[in-house]
Structure formats: structure tokens, C-alpha cells
Amino acid sequence: MPTIAITGASGHLGRLVAELLLEQGEKPILLSRDPAALDEFAQRGAEVRHGDFGDSEGLQAALQGVDRLLLISVDVVGPQRIALQAKAVEAARAAGVKHVVYTSLPRPDEDNPAAVAPDHRATEAALRDSGMTWTFLRNNIYAEYQIPTAAQAVASGQLVTNSGAGATAYVSREDCAAAAAAVLASEGHENVSYDITGPEAVDAAGLAALAAEISGRPVEVVSVDDEGLAQGLAAAGLPAEVVQLVVSFGASTRGGWASDVTTAVRDLTGREPVALRDVLAANRDALVG
């Protein structure tokens, strides 16, 4: 049985994958900058190690004996993420890791305006050139991210967006975790990319309609251009880097970069993916405040 490890295991996605692997009888190695946050998993048989992408030697040591690695992309955006993840890829290679499963983005092409696309494109390239085999799990936007968006729209009665008529195949974090666990625990995924999506692509009008239906309050779509959205977000006090990120995702959606719907979740896990409607409905209290 191959030895499996997860980076960023104390984060939302990492914890879900660890839970699924333990339920399947696996004994994953869990890496985190804060190992104490994973005590509950250690008590259930998982081995917990300190792992920091910024410490190449320490990370290489933490990856000794690992066959398959789930490399969860870090939260920072831009050159810092590219550099950190390049170090992680090199540490994995030097430690003798055979296969890396990386959480990427659908269609991280040069023309994709999403601010994170260059980060994922660079890390995918590093893995292709590493000599290790790889799997790219190109996770679409988390459905859970739309809970605060819908809540704000319900509170104001307006969903302000620069996404135009573009749609996004929102996917639940649980489905992303299930897909990752399935790939880590099975064979035949070498040098393959999977677009991990929900069951349908939802545009701004659809999101507004869902928010209104679930909350019982009216929500209208207010379409703005990129500059208008940036000004509004800045006026609301959001940091410049967050403004850029949000605007870029809207532009990416508008361009059709996030709309592809696949059967990857069902193919990998044997279950149907959760719909955005169900995620929002399960969090109705957050929508109505």
C-alpha cells in the first residue's frame, strides 16, 4: 500500500481529505505548519509532521517515505505562491515522492484573466518537468464561497457583479475532497488532469434567483464593468489585492473560463456532485442573517 501525505492538512480541504482517507482505512501522513491543530487525527492513527513550504530542507525531511502527495495550493497569490510551490515540488522530488496530486484551476491558460491562473500554470509546469508523475485536480470555484456573496445580496437586495452572462460550475469543497481522496487511494491517474465541477453552471441571474428563493427576499442583479466593481469594492474597504482578485474572477467568468461542466466527480467517486442550490439551502441561516 503506497504511503500518502497531505500538505496543508489543517486547512478546510486538507482536513476533509484526511477524514475520508481515515474512513477508508488509510493512514495518511499529515503535514502542517501547526501540527498541534491536527491532534485529533493523530489520535486516530494519522502521522502528523511539521511541513512548511518556506523551509525546503525541513519539508524534504517531512516528505521522506512518501509515495503519493496531495499538494494543496497555498492561499497567497502571485510570485510568492509560485516560489513557495516550486520549492514544494523540488522538495518532493528530492525526497523521492513518486506521484503528486495538485489542486489547480480549470483552464489555467495564458488568456485566462483570473489572477490565480499564472500561479497554477507555473506549478503545473514545474510538476510536468519534475520527473514525478502527477495528477491535476482543477477545482472550480467552491460553492461555499457563494454563501457570503448570497448573504450580502440578500441583505442589500442587489447582487453586484462584473460577470455579465458568464456562468460558473460551482463545486462543493466536500466533492473536491472526495475526488482527491479517490485519486490518492487508487491507481491509474498518472499524468491526467481532471476538471472538478458541480452538476451545472450558474450565472449571476441564477445565483440571485437562488438567493431570493432560499431567503424569501427579493434580489436583483446589478451589472457593472470591471472598473465599477473595483471602485465599489475599494469603497467598501477591501484591500487592493482582494479587489484585484475578485474583479479578475468576474472577468474570467464573463469570458466563459469557468463554465465547463464535467462528470469527474461522479467518475472518480461514484456519487453525484452537490448542487449550489443545496449548499445555499443548507446554509439558509447565514443567508438571512
C-alpha atoms as a PDB file:
ATOM      1  CA  MET A   1       0.000   0.000   0.000  1.00  0.00           C
ATOM      2  CA  PRO A   2       1.533   3.347  -1.014  1.00  0.00           C
ATOM      3  CA  THR A   3       2.221   5.930   1.672  1.00  0.00           C
ATOM      4  CA  ILE A   4       0.028   9.020   1.236  1.00  0.00           C
ATOM      5  CA  ALA A   5       0.743  12.504   2.551  1.00  0.00           C
ATOM      6  CA  ILE A   6      -1.247  15.749   2.508  1.00  0.00           C
ATOM      7  CA  THR A   7       0.194  19.257   2.697  1.00  0.00           C
ATOM      8  CA  GLY A   8      -1.849  21.994   4.340  1.00  0.00           C
ATOM      9  CA  ALA A   9      -3.697  19.249   6.183  1.00  0.00           C
ATOM     10  CA  SER A  10      -5.027  21.595   8.871  1.00  0.00           C
ATOM     11  CA  GLY A  11      -6.930  23.659   6.288  1.00  0.00           C
ATOM     12  CA  HIS A  12     -10.544  23.130   5.221  1.00  0.00           C
ATOM     13  CA  LEU A  13      -9.821  20.897   2.221  1.00  0.00           C
ATOM     14  CA  GLY A  14      -6.937  19.042   3.826  1.00  0.00           C
ATOM     15  CA  ARG A  15      -8.984  18.075   6.863  1.00  0.00           C
ATOM     16  CA  LEU A  16     -11.807  16.759   4.686  1.00  0.00           C
ATOM     17  CA  VAL A  17      -9.426  14.628   2.620  1.00  0.00           C
ATOM     18  CA  ALA A  18      -7.721  13.319   5.757  1.00  0.00           C
ATOM     19  CA  GLU A  19     -11.089  12.354   7.220  1.00  0.00           C
ATOM     20  CA  LEU A  20     -12.090  10.451   4.092  1.00  0.00           C
ATOM     21  CA  LEU A  21      -8.786   8.586   3.888  1.00  0.00           C
ATOM     22  CA  LEU A  22      -9.001   7.548   7.531  1.00  0.00           C
ATOM     23  CA  GLU A  23     -12.547   6.308   6.973  1.00  0.00           C
ATOM     24  CA  GLN A  24     -11.224   4.190   4.083  1.00  0.00           C
ATOM     25  CA  GLY A  25      -8.607   2.593   6.316  1.00  0.00           C
ATOM     26  CA  GLU A  26      -5.654   4.610   5.045  1.00  0.00           C
ATOM     27  CA  LYS A  27      -3.074   6.033   7.461  1.00  0.00           C
ATOM     28  CA  PRO A  28      -2.057   9.299   5.801  1.00  0.00           C
ATOM     29  CA  ILE A  29       0.859  11.477   6.827  1.00  0.00           C
ATOM     30  CA  LEU A  30      -0.491  14.955   7.545  1.00  0.00           C
ATOM     31  CA  LEU A  31       1.742  17.989   7.073  1.00  0.00           C
ATOM     32  CA  SER A  32       1.052  21.389   8.589  1.00  0.00           C
ATOM     33  CA  ARG A  33       2.896  24.444   9.851  1.00  0.00           C
ATOM     34  CA  ASP A  34       0.812  23.918  13.008  1.00  0.00           C
ATOM     35  CA  PRO A  35       0.940  20.191  13.820  1.00  0.00           C
ATOM     36  CA  ALA A  36      -0.936  20.716  17.097  1.00  0.00           C
ATOM     37  CA  ALA A  37      -4.012  21.625  15.054  1.00  0.00           C
ATOM     38  CA  LEU A  38      -4.104  18.012  13.860  1.00  0.00           C
ATOM     39  CA  ASP A  39      -4.019  16.274  17.244  1.00  0.00           C
ATOM     40  CA  GLU A  40      -7.459  14.747  16.690  1.00  0.00           C
ATOM     41  CA  PHE A  41      -6.184  12.980  13.567  1.00  0.00           C
ATOM     42  CA  ALA A  42      -3.014  11.812  15.293  1.00  0.00           C
ATOM     43  CA  GLN A  43      -5.174  10.170  17.939  1.00  0.00           C
ATOM     44  CA  ARG A  44      -6.907   8.220  15.164  1.00  0.00           C
ATOM     45  CA  GLY A  45      -3.752   6.816  13.623  1.00  0.00           C
ATOM     46  CA  ALA A  46      -2.545   9.505  11.244  1.00  0.00           C
ATOM     47  CA  GLU A  47       1.096  10.534  11.448  1.00  0.00           C
ATOM     48  CA  VAL A  48       1.477  14.305  11.815  1.00  0.00           C
ATOM     49  CA  ARG A  49       4.632  16.089  10.688  1.00  0.00           C
ATOM     50  CA  HIS A  50       5.684  19.721  10.576  1.00  0.00           C
ATOM     51  CA  GLY A  51       5.805  20.953   6.994  1.00  0.00           C
ATOM     52  CA  ASP A  52       6.444  24.483   5.757  1.00  0.00           C
ATOM     53  CA  PHE A  53       6.861  25.320   2.068  1.00  0.00           C
ATOM     54  CA  GLY A  54       9.253  28.102   3.082  1.00  0.00           C
ATOM     55  CA  ASP A  55      11.641  25.606   4.699  1.00  0.00           C
ATOM     56  CA  SER A  56      12.916  23.444   1.856  1.00  0.00           C
ATOM     57  CA  GLU A  57      15.181  21.221   3.941  1.00  0.00           C
ATOM     58  CA  GLY A  58      12.552  20.692   6.611  1.00  0.00           C
ATOM     59  CA  LEU A  59       9.893  19.928   4.017  1.00  0.00           C
ATOM     60  CA  GLN A  60      12.149  17.449   2.250  1.00  0.00           C
ATOM     61  CA  ALA A  61      12.723  15.686   5.557  1.00  0.00           C
ATOM     62  CA  ALA A  62       8.987  15.660   6.276  1.00  0.00           C
ATOM     63  CA  LEU A  63       8.322  14.012   2.918  1.00  0.00           C
ATOM     64  CA  GLN A  64      10.711  11.112   3.423  1.00  0.00           C
ATOM     65  CA  GLY A  65       8.979   7.790   2.796  1.00  0.00           C
ATOM     66  CA  VAL A  66       6.023   9.357   0.969  1.00  0.00           C
ATOM     67  CA  ASP A  67       4.861   7.766  -2.281  1.00  0.00           C
ATOM     68  CA  ARG A  68       1.828   9.903  -3.137  1.00  0.00           C
ATOM     69  CA  LEU A  69       1.484  13.538  -2.133  1.00  0.00           C
ATOM     70  CA  LEU A  70      -1.567  15.777  -2.191  1.00  0.00           C
ATOM     71  CA  LEU A  71      -0.091  19.227  -2.784  1.00  0.00           C
ATOM     72  CA  ILE A  72      -2.799  21.698  -1.780  1.00  0.00           C
ATOM     73  CA  SER A  73      -2.152  25.125  -3.265  1.00  0.00           C
ATOM     74  CA  VAL A  74      -1.358  27.768  -0.660  1.00  0.00           C
ATOM     75  CA  ASP A  75      -3.515  30.825  -0.012  1.00  0.00           C
ATOM     76  CA  VAL A  76      -1.161  33.592  -1.148  1.00  0.00           C
ATOM     77  CA  VAL A  77      -1.432  34.811  -4.739  1.00  0.00           C
ATOM     78  CA  GLY A  78       1.243  35.792  -7.223  1.00  0.00           C
ATOM     79  CA  PRO A  79       5.034  35.383  -7.275  1.00  0.00           C
ATOM     80  CA  GLN A  80       5.165  34.310  -3.631  1.00  0.00           C
ATOM     81  CA  ARG A  81       2.855  31.361  -4.266  1.00  0.00           C
ATOM     82  CA  ILE A  82       4.743  30.393  -7.412  1.00  0.00           C
ATOM     83  CA  ALA A  83       8.030  30.397  -5.487  1.00  0.00           C
ATOM     84  CA  LEU A  84       6.674  28.509  -2.471  1.00  0.00           C
ATOM     85  CA  GLN A  85       5.040  25.821  -4.564  1.00  0.00           C
ATOM     86  CA  ALA A  86       8.149  25.447  -6.729  1.00  0.00           C
ATOM     87  CA  LYS A  87      10.070  24.758  -3.509  1.00  0.00           C
ATOM     88  CA  ALA A  88       7.463  22.196  -2.503  1.00  0.00           C
ATOM     89  CA  VAL A  89       7.724  20.426  -5.861  1.00  0.00           C
ATOM     90  CA  GLU A  90      11.507  20.297  -5.602  1.00  0.00           C
ATOM     91  CA  ALA A  91      11.358  19.068  -2.003  1.00  0.00           C
ATOM     92  CA  ALA A  92       9.000  16.286  -3.056  1.00  0.00           C
ATOM     93  CA  ARG A  93      11.272  15.274  -5.916  1.00  0.00           C
ATOM     94  CA  ALA A  94      14.355  15.298  -3.698  1.00  0.00           C
ATOM     95  CA  ALA A  95      12.559  13.241  -1.037  1.00  0.00           C
ATOM     96  CA  GLY A  96      11.714  10.528  -3.546  1.00  0.00           C
ATOM     97  CA  VAL A  97       7.976  11.157  -3.842  1.00  0.00           C
ATOM     98  CA  LYS A  98       6.701   9.253  -6.852  1.00  0.00           C
ATOM     99  CA  HIS A  99       3.365  10.934  -7.582  1.00  0.00           C
ATOM    100  CA  VAL A 100       1.956  14.395  -6.799  1.00  0.00           C
ATOM    101  CA  VAL A 101      -1.735  15.291  -6.882  1.00  0.00           C
ATOM    102  CA  TYR A 102      -2.067  19.076  -7.192  1.00  0.00           C
ATOM    103  CA  THR A 103      -5.141  21.255  -6.626  1.00  0.00           C
ATOM    104  CA  SER A 104      -5.247  23.594  -9.600  1.00  0.00           C
ATOM    105  CA  LEU A 105      -7.738  25.710 -11.560  1.00  0.00           C
ATOM    106  CA  PRO A 106      -9.837  24.862 -14.632  1.00  0.00           C
ATOM    107  CA  ARG A 107      -8.171  26.081 -17.806  1.00  0.00           C
ATOM    108  CA  PRO A 108      -5.190  27.966 -16.314  1.00  0.00           C
ATOM    109  CA  ASP A 109      -4.280  29.246 -19.774  1.00  0.00           C
ATOM    110  CA  GLU A 110      -2.351  32.416 -20.534  1.00  0.00           C
ATOM    111  CA  ASP A 111      -5.517  34.142 -21.744  1.00  0.00           C
ATOM    112  CA  ASN A 112      -7.498  33.359 -18.578  1.00  0.00           C
ATOM    113  CA  PRO A 113      -7.829  36.689 -16.717  1.00  0.00           C
ATOM    114  CA  ALA A 114      -8.193  35.060 -13.279  1.00  0.00           C
ATOM    115  CA  ALA A 115      -5.383  36.467 -11.128  1.00  0.00           C
ATOM    116  CA  VAL A 116      -4.522  32.981  -9.864  1.00  0.00           C
ATOM    117  CA  ALA A 117      -4.149  31.401 -13.318  1.00  0.00           C
ATOM    118  CA  PRO A 118      -0.407  32.201 -13.659  1.00  0.00           C
ATOM    119  CA  ASP A 119       0.269  30.626 -10.250  1.00  0.00           C
ATOM    120  CA  HIS A 120      -1.389  27.348 -11.161  1.00  0.00           C
ATOM    121  CA  ARG A 121       0.077  27.343 -14.662  1.00  0.00           C
ATOM    122  CA  ALA A 122       3.589  27.717 -13.228  1.00  0.00           C
ATOM    123  CA  THR A 123       3.108  24.954 -10.662  1.00  0.00           C
ATOM    124  CA  GLU A 124       1.659  22.591 -13.244  1.00  0.00           C
ATOM    125  CA  ALA A 125       4.697  23.274 -15.447  1.00  0.00           C
ATOM    126  CA  ALA A 126       7.048  22.604 -12.535  1.00  0.00           C
ATOM    127  CA  LEU A 127       5.374  19.265 -11.906  1.00  0.00           C
ATOM    128  CA  ARG A 128       5.485  18.284 -15.571  1.00  0.00           C
ATOM    129  CA  ASP A 129       9.226  18.994 -15.592  1.00  0.00           C
ATOM    130  CA  SER A 130       9.933  17.324 -12.235  1.00  0.00           C
ATOM    131  CA  GLY A 131      10.242  13.725 -13.375  1.00  0.00           C
ATOM    132  CA  MET A 132       7.490  12.680 -10.956  1.00  0.00           C
ATOM    133  CA  THR A 133       4.106  11.569 -12.213  1.00  0.00           C
ATOM    134  CA  TRP A 134       1.253  13.940 -11.453  1.00  0.00           C
ATOM    135  CA  THR A 135      -2.494  14.445 -11.382  1.00  0.00           C
ATOM    136  CA  PHE A 136      -4.021  17.909 -11.680  1.00  0.00           C
ATOM    137  CA  LEU A 137      -7.334  18.332  -9.876  1.00  0.00           C
ATOM    138  CA  ARG A 138      -8.566  21.527 -11.486  1.00  0.00           C
ATOM    139  CA  ASN A 139     -11.155  22.506  -8.915  1.00  0.00           C
ATOM    140  CA  ASN A 140     -13.758  25.052  -9.948  1.00  0.00           C
ATOM    141  CA  ILE A 141     -14.852  27.829  -7.573  1.00  0.00           C
ATOM    142  CA  TYR A 142     -16.089  26.485  -4.253  1.00  0.00           C
ATOM    143  CA  ALA A 143     -19.854  26.654  -3.862  1.00  0.00           C
ATOM    144  CA  GLU A 144     -19.255  27.580  -0.216  1.00  0.00           C
ATOM    145  CA  TYR A 145     -17.668  30.851  -1.346  1.00  0.00           C
ATOM    146  CA  GLN A 146     -21.090  31.920  -2.601  1.00  0.00           C
ATOM    147  CA  ILE A 147     -22.641  31.788   0.881  1.00  0.00           C
ATOM    148  CA  PRO A 148     -21.315  35.229   1.935  1.00  0.00           C
ATOM    149  CA  THR A 149     -21.923  36.545  -1.578  1.00  0.00           C
ATOM    150  CA  ALA A 150     -25.547  35.448  -1.431  1.00  0.00           C
ATOM    151  CA  ALA A 151     -25.920  36.736   2.135  1.00  0.00           C
ATOM    152  CA  GLN A 152     -24.709  40.183   1.130  1.00  0.00           C
ATOM    153  CA  ALA A 153     -27.037  40.161  -1.870  1.00  0.00           C
ATOM    154  CA  VAL A 154     -29.985  39.218   0.336  1.00  0.00           C
ATOM    155  CA  ALA A 155     -29.134  41.953   2.839  1.00  0.00           C
ATOM    156  CA  SER A 156     -28.838  44.672   0.192  1.00  0.00           C
ATOM    157  CA  GLY A 157     -31.335  43.314  -2.309  1.00  0.00           C
ATOM    158  CA  GLN A 158     -28.666  43.540  -5.003  1.00  0.00           C
ATOM    159  CA  LEU A 159     -26.102  41.183  -6.485  1.00  0.00           C
ATOM    160  CA  VAL A 160     -23.471  43.496  -7.945  1.00  0.00           C
ATOM    161  CA  THR A 161     -21.279  41.697 -10.467  1.00  0.00           C
ATOM    162  CA  ASN A 162     -18.963  42.142 -13.430  1.00  0.00           C
ATOM    163  CA  SER A 163     -19.502  38.568 -14.639  1.00  0.00           C
ATOM    164  CA  GLY A 164     -22.047  39.512 -17.307  1.00  0.00           C
ATOM    165  CA  ALA A 165     -23.837  36.480 -18.713  1.00  0.00           C
ATOM    166  CA  GLY A 166     -20.964  34.164 -17.803  1.00  0.00           C
ATOM    167  CA  ALA A 167     -21.615  31.120 -15.636  1.00  0.00           C
ATOM    168  CA  THR A 168     -19.562  29.115 -13.133  1.00  0.00           C
ATOM    169  CA  ALA A 169     -19.778  25.375 -12.448  1.00  0.00           C
ATOM    170  CA  TYR A 170     -19.526  25.848  -8.670  1.00  0.00           C
ATOM    171  CA  VAL A 171     -18.352  22.733  -6.827  1.00  0.00           C
ATOM    172  CA  SER A 172     -18.648  21.878  -3.155  1.00  0.00           C
ATOM    173  CA  ARG A 173     -15.497  21.581  -1.097  1.00  0.00           C
ATOM    174  CA  GLU A 174     -16.709  18.138   0.003  1.00  0.00           C
ATOM    175  CA  ASP A 175     -16.814  16.953  -3.600  1.00  0.00           C
ATOM    176  CA  CYS A 176     -13.295  18.272  -4.195  1.00  0.00           C
ATOM    177  CA  ALA A 177     -12.129  16.363  -1.132  1.00  0.00           C
ATOM    178  CA  ALA A 178     -13.857  13.174  -2.249  1.00  0.00           C
ATOM    179  CA  ALA A 179     -12.239  13.405  -5.676  1.00  0.00           C
ATOM    180  CA  ALA A 180      -8.813  13.952  -4.128  1.00  0.00           C
ATOM    181  CA  ALA A 181      -9.201  11.031  -1.729  1.00  0.00           C
ATOM    182  CA  ALA A 182     -10.305   8.770  -4.576  1.00  0.00           C
ATOM    183  CA  VAL A 183      -7.287   9.654  -6.703  1.00  0.00           C
ATOM    184  CA  LEU A 184      -4.852   9.267  -3.811  1.00  0.00           C
ATOM    185  CA  ALA A 185      -6.181   5.843  -2.854  1.00  0.00           C
ATOM    186  CA  SER A 186      -6.406   4.276  -6.320  1.00  0.00           C
ATOM    187  CA  GLU A 187      -4.329   3.550  -9.400  1.00  0.00           C
ATOM    188  CA  GLY A 188      -4.395   4.837 -12.948  1.00  0.00           C
ATOM    189  CA  HIS A 189      -4.295   8.613 -12.552  1.00  0.00           C
ATOM    190  CA  GLU A 190      -0.757   9.266 -13.734  1.00  0.00           C
ATOM    191  CA  ASN A 191      -0.273  12.412 -15.830  1.00  0.00           C
ATOM    192  CA  VAL A 192      -4.012  13.126 -16.077  1.00  0.00           C
ATOM    193  CA  SER A 193      -5.955  16.340 -15.477  1.00  0.00           C
ATOM    194  CA  TYR A 194      -9.497  16.354 -14.091  1.00  0.00           C
ATOM    195  CA  ASP A 195     -11.802  19.374 -14.094  1.00  0.00           C
ATOM    196  CA  ILE A 196     -13.685  19.042 -10.806  1.00  0.00           C
ATOM    197  CA  THR A 197     -17.061  20.774 -11.168  1.00  0.00           C
ATOM    198  CA  GLY A 198     -20.568  20.867  -9.836  1.00  0.00           C
ATOM    199  CA  PRO A 199     -23.543  19.479 -11.772  1.00  0.00           C
ATOM    200  CA  GLU A 200     -24.431  22.731 -13.537  1.00  0.00           C
ATOM    201  CA  ALA A 201     -23.072  26.147 -14.432  1.00  0.00           C
ATOM    202  CA  VAL A 202     -24.871  29.035 -12.716  1.00  0.00           C
ATOM    203  CA  ASP A 203     -24.772  32.649 -13.889  1.00  0.00           C
ATOM    204  CA  ALA A 204     -25.411  35.789 -11.838  1.00  0.00           C
ATOM    205  CA  ALA A 205     -29.117  35.724 -12.583  1.00  0.00           C
ATOM    206  CA  GLY A 206     -29.288  32.131 -11.403  1.00  0.00           C
ATOM    207  CA  LEU A 207     -27.381  32.913  -8.211  1.00  0.00           C
ATOM    208  CA  ALA A 208     -29.651  35.870  -7.473  1.00  0.00           C
ATOM    209  CA  ALA A 209     -32.715  33.709  -8.078  1.00  0.00           C
ATOM    210  CA  LEU A 210     -31.421  31.025  -5.711  1.00  0.00           C
ATOM    211  CA  ALA A 211     -30.634  33.592  -3.024  1.00  0.00           C
ATOM    212  CA  ALA A 212     -34.114  35.071  -3.346  1.00  0.00           C
ATOM    213  CA  GLU A 213     -35.846  31.700  -3.348  1.00  0.00           C
ATOM    214  CA  ILE A 214     -33.991  30.369  -0.313  1.00  0.00           C
ATOM    215  CA  SER A 215     -34.190  33.583   1.719  1.00  0.00           C
ATOM    216  CA  GLY A 216     -37.681  34.640   0.680  1.00  0.00           C
ATOM    217  CA  ARG A 217     -36.377  38.125  -0.086  1.00  0.00           C
ATOM    218  CA  PRO A 218     -36.003  39.886  -3.446  1.00  0.00           C
ATOM    219  CA  VAL A 219     -32.567  40.054  -5.055  1.00  0.00           C
ATOM    220  CA  GLU A 220     -31.822  41.835  -8.337  1.00  0.00           C
ATOM    221  CA  VAL A 221     -28.685  41.634 -10.456  1.00  0.00           C
ATOM    222  CA  VAL A 222     -26.763  44.876 -10.934  1.00  0.00           C
ATOM    223  CA  SER A 223     -24.243  44.510 -13.747  1.00  0.00           C
ATOM    224  CA  VAL A 224     -21.161  46.728 -13.697  1.00  0.00           C
ATOM    225  CA  ASP A 225     -17.888  46.800 -15.594  1.00  0.00           C
ATOM    226  CA  ASP A 226     -14.548  45.836 -14.083  1.00  0.00           C
ATOM    227  CA  GLU A 227     -13.716  49.401 -13.077  1.00  0.00           C
ATOM    228  CA  GLY A 228     -17.108  49.918 -11.481  1.00  0.00           C
ATOM    229  CA  LEU A 229     -16.801  46.765  -9.415  1.00  0.00           C
ATOM    230  CA  ALA A 230     -13.269  47.657  -8.358  1.00  0.00           C
ATOM    231  CA  GLN A 231     -14.381  51.088  -7.209  1.00  0.00           C
ATOM    232  CA  GLY A 232     -17.272  49.649  -5.240  1.00  0.00           C
ATOM    233  CA  LEU A 233     -15.140  47.031  -3.532  1.00  0.00           C
ATOM    234  CA  ALA A 234     -12.454  49.573  -2.675  1.00  0.00           C
ATOM    235  CA  ALA A 235     -15.081  51.922  -1.248  1.00  0.00           C
ATOM    236  CA  ALA A 236     -16.294  49.044   0.924  1.00  0.00           C
ATOM    237  CA  GLY A 237     -12.823  48.821   2.433  1.00  0.00           C
ATOM    238  CA  LEU A 238     -11.452  45.717   0.733  1.00  0.00           C
ATOM    239  CA  PRO A 239      -7.650  45.590   0.311  1.00  0.00           C
ATOM    240  CA  ALA A 240      -6.317  46.271  -3.170  1.00  0.00           C
ATOM    241  CA  GLU A 241      -5.120  42.692  -3.680  1.00  0.00           C
ATOM    242  CA  VAL A 242      -8.560  41.333  -2.778  1.00  0.00           C
ATOM    243  CA  VAL A 243     -10.224  43.808  -5.126  1.00  0.00           C
ATOM    244  CA  GLN A 244      -7.961  42.679  -7.959  1.00  0.00           C
ATOM    245  CA  LEU A 245      -8.680  39.023  -7.230  1.00  0.00           C
ATOM    246  CA  VAL A 246     -12.468  39.429  -7.114  1.00  0.00           C
ATOM    247  CA  VAL A 247     -12.560  41.545 -10.270  1.00  0.00           C
ATOM    248  CA  SER A 248     -10.352  39.063 -12.108  1.00  0.00           C
ATOM    249  CA  PHE A 249     -12.607  36.134 -11.230  1.00  0.00           C
ATOM    250  CA  GLY A 250     -15.613  38.060 -12.517  1.00  0.00           C
ATOM    251  CA  ALA A 251     -13.790  38.774 -15.754  1.00  0.00           C
ATOM    252  CA  SER A 252     -12.808  35.116 -16.040  1.00  0.00           C
ATOM    253  CA  THR A 253     -16.412  34.042 -15.535  1.00  0.00           C
ATOM    254  CA  ARG A 254     -17.601  36.595 -18.079  1.00  0.00           C
ATOM    255  CA  GLY A 255     -15.171  35.119 -20.592  1.00  0.00           C
ATOM    256  CA  GLY A 256     -16.508  31.597 -20.117  1.00  0.00           C
ATOM    257  CA  TRP A 257     -13.424  30.198 -18.398  1.00  0.00           C
ATOM    258  CA  ALA A 258     -15.325  28.608 -15.500  1.00  0.00           C
ATOM    259  CA  SER A 259     -18.460  27.305 -17.208  1.00  0.00           C
ATOM    260  CA  ASP A 260     -17.451  23.809 -18.308  1.00  0.00           C
ATOM    261  CA  VAL A 261     -19.399  21.055 -16.530  1.00  0.00           C
ATOM    262  CA  THR A 262     -17.798  17.615 -16.276  1.00  0.00           C
ATOM    263  CA  THR A 263     -18.648  14.210 -14.845  1.00  0.00           C
ATOM    264  CA  ALA A 264     -15.322  13.966 -12.993  1.00  0.00           C
ATOM    265  CA  VAL A 265     -16.833  13.899  -9.500  1.00  0.00           C
ATOM    266  CA  ARG A 266     -19.158  11.041 -10.414  1.00  0.00           C
ATOM    267  CA  ASP A 267     -16.464   9.224 -12.389  1.00  0.00           C
ATOM    268  CA  LEU A 268     -13.941   9.389  -9.541  1.00  0.00           C
ATOM    269  CA  THR A 269     -16.201   8.968  -6.517  1.00  0.00           C
ATOM    270  CA  GLY A 270     -19.291   7.146  -7.769  1.00  0.00           C
ATOM    271  CA  ARG A 271     -21.578   9.831  -6.360  1.00  0.00           C
ATOM    272  CA  GLU A 272     -23.342  12.798  -7.896  1.00  0.00           C
ATOM    273  CA  PRO A 273     -21.858  16.229  -7.149  1.00  0.00           C
ATOM    274  CA  VAL A 274     -23.708  18.573  -4.803  1.00  0.00           C
ATOM    275  CA  ALA A 275     -25.543  21.461  -6.464  1.00  0.00           C
ATOM    276  CA  LEU A 276     -25.060  25.105  -5.496  1.00  0.00           C
ATOM    277  CA  ARG A 277     -28.741  25.216  -4.545  1.00  0.00           C
ATOM    278  CA  ASP A 278     -28.193  22.534  -1.915  1.00  0.00           C
ATOM    279  CA  VAL A 279     -25.142  24.263  -0.446  1.00  0.00           C
ATOM    280  CA  LEU A 280     -27.011  27.556  -0.124  1.00  0.00           C
ATOM    281  CA  ALA A 281     -30.140  25.886   1.248  1.00  0.00           C
ATOM    282  CA  ALA A 282     -28.099  24.085   3.901  1.00  0.00           C
ATOM    283  CA  ASN A 283     -26.783  27.483   4.982  1.00  0.00           C
ATOM    284  CA  ARG A 284     -30.062  29.412   4.891  1.00  0.00           C
ATOM    285  CA  ASP A 285     -29.474  30.883   8.344  1.00  0.00           C
ATOM    286  CA  ALA A 286     -26.310  32.554   7.068  1.00  0.00           C
ATOM    287  CA  LEU A 287     -28.225  33.996   4.121  1.00  0.00           C
ATOM    288  CA  VAL A 288     -30.995  35.583   6.156  1.00  0.00           C
ATOM    289  CA  GLY A 289     -28.733  36.794   8.951  1.00  0.00           C
END
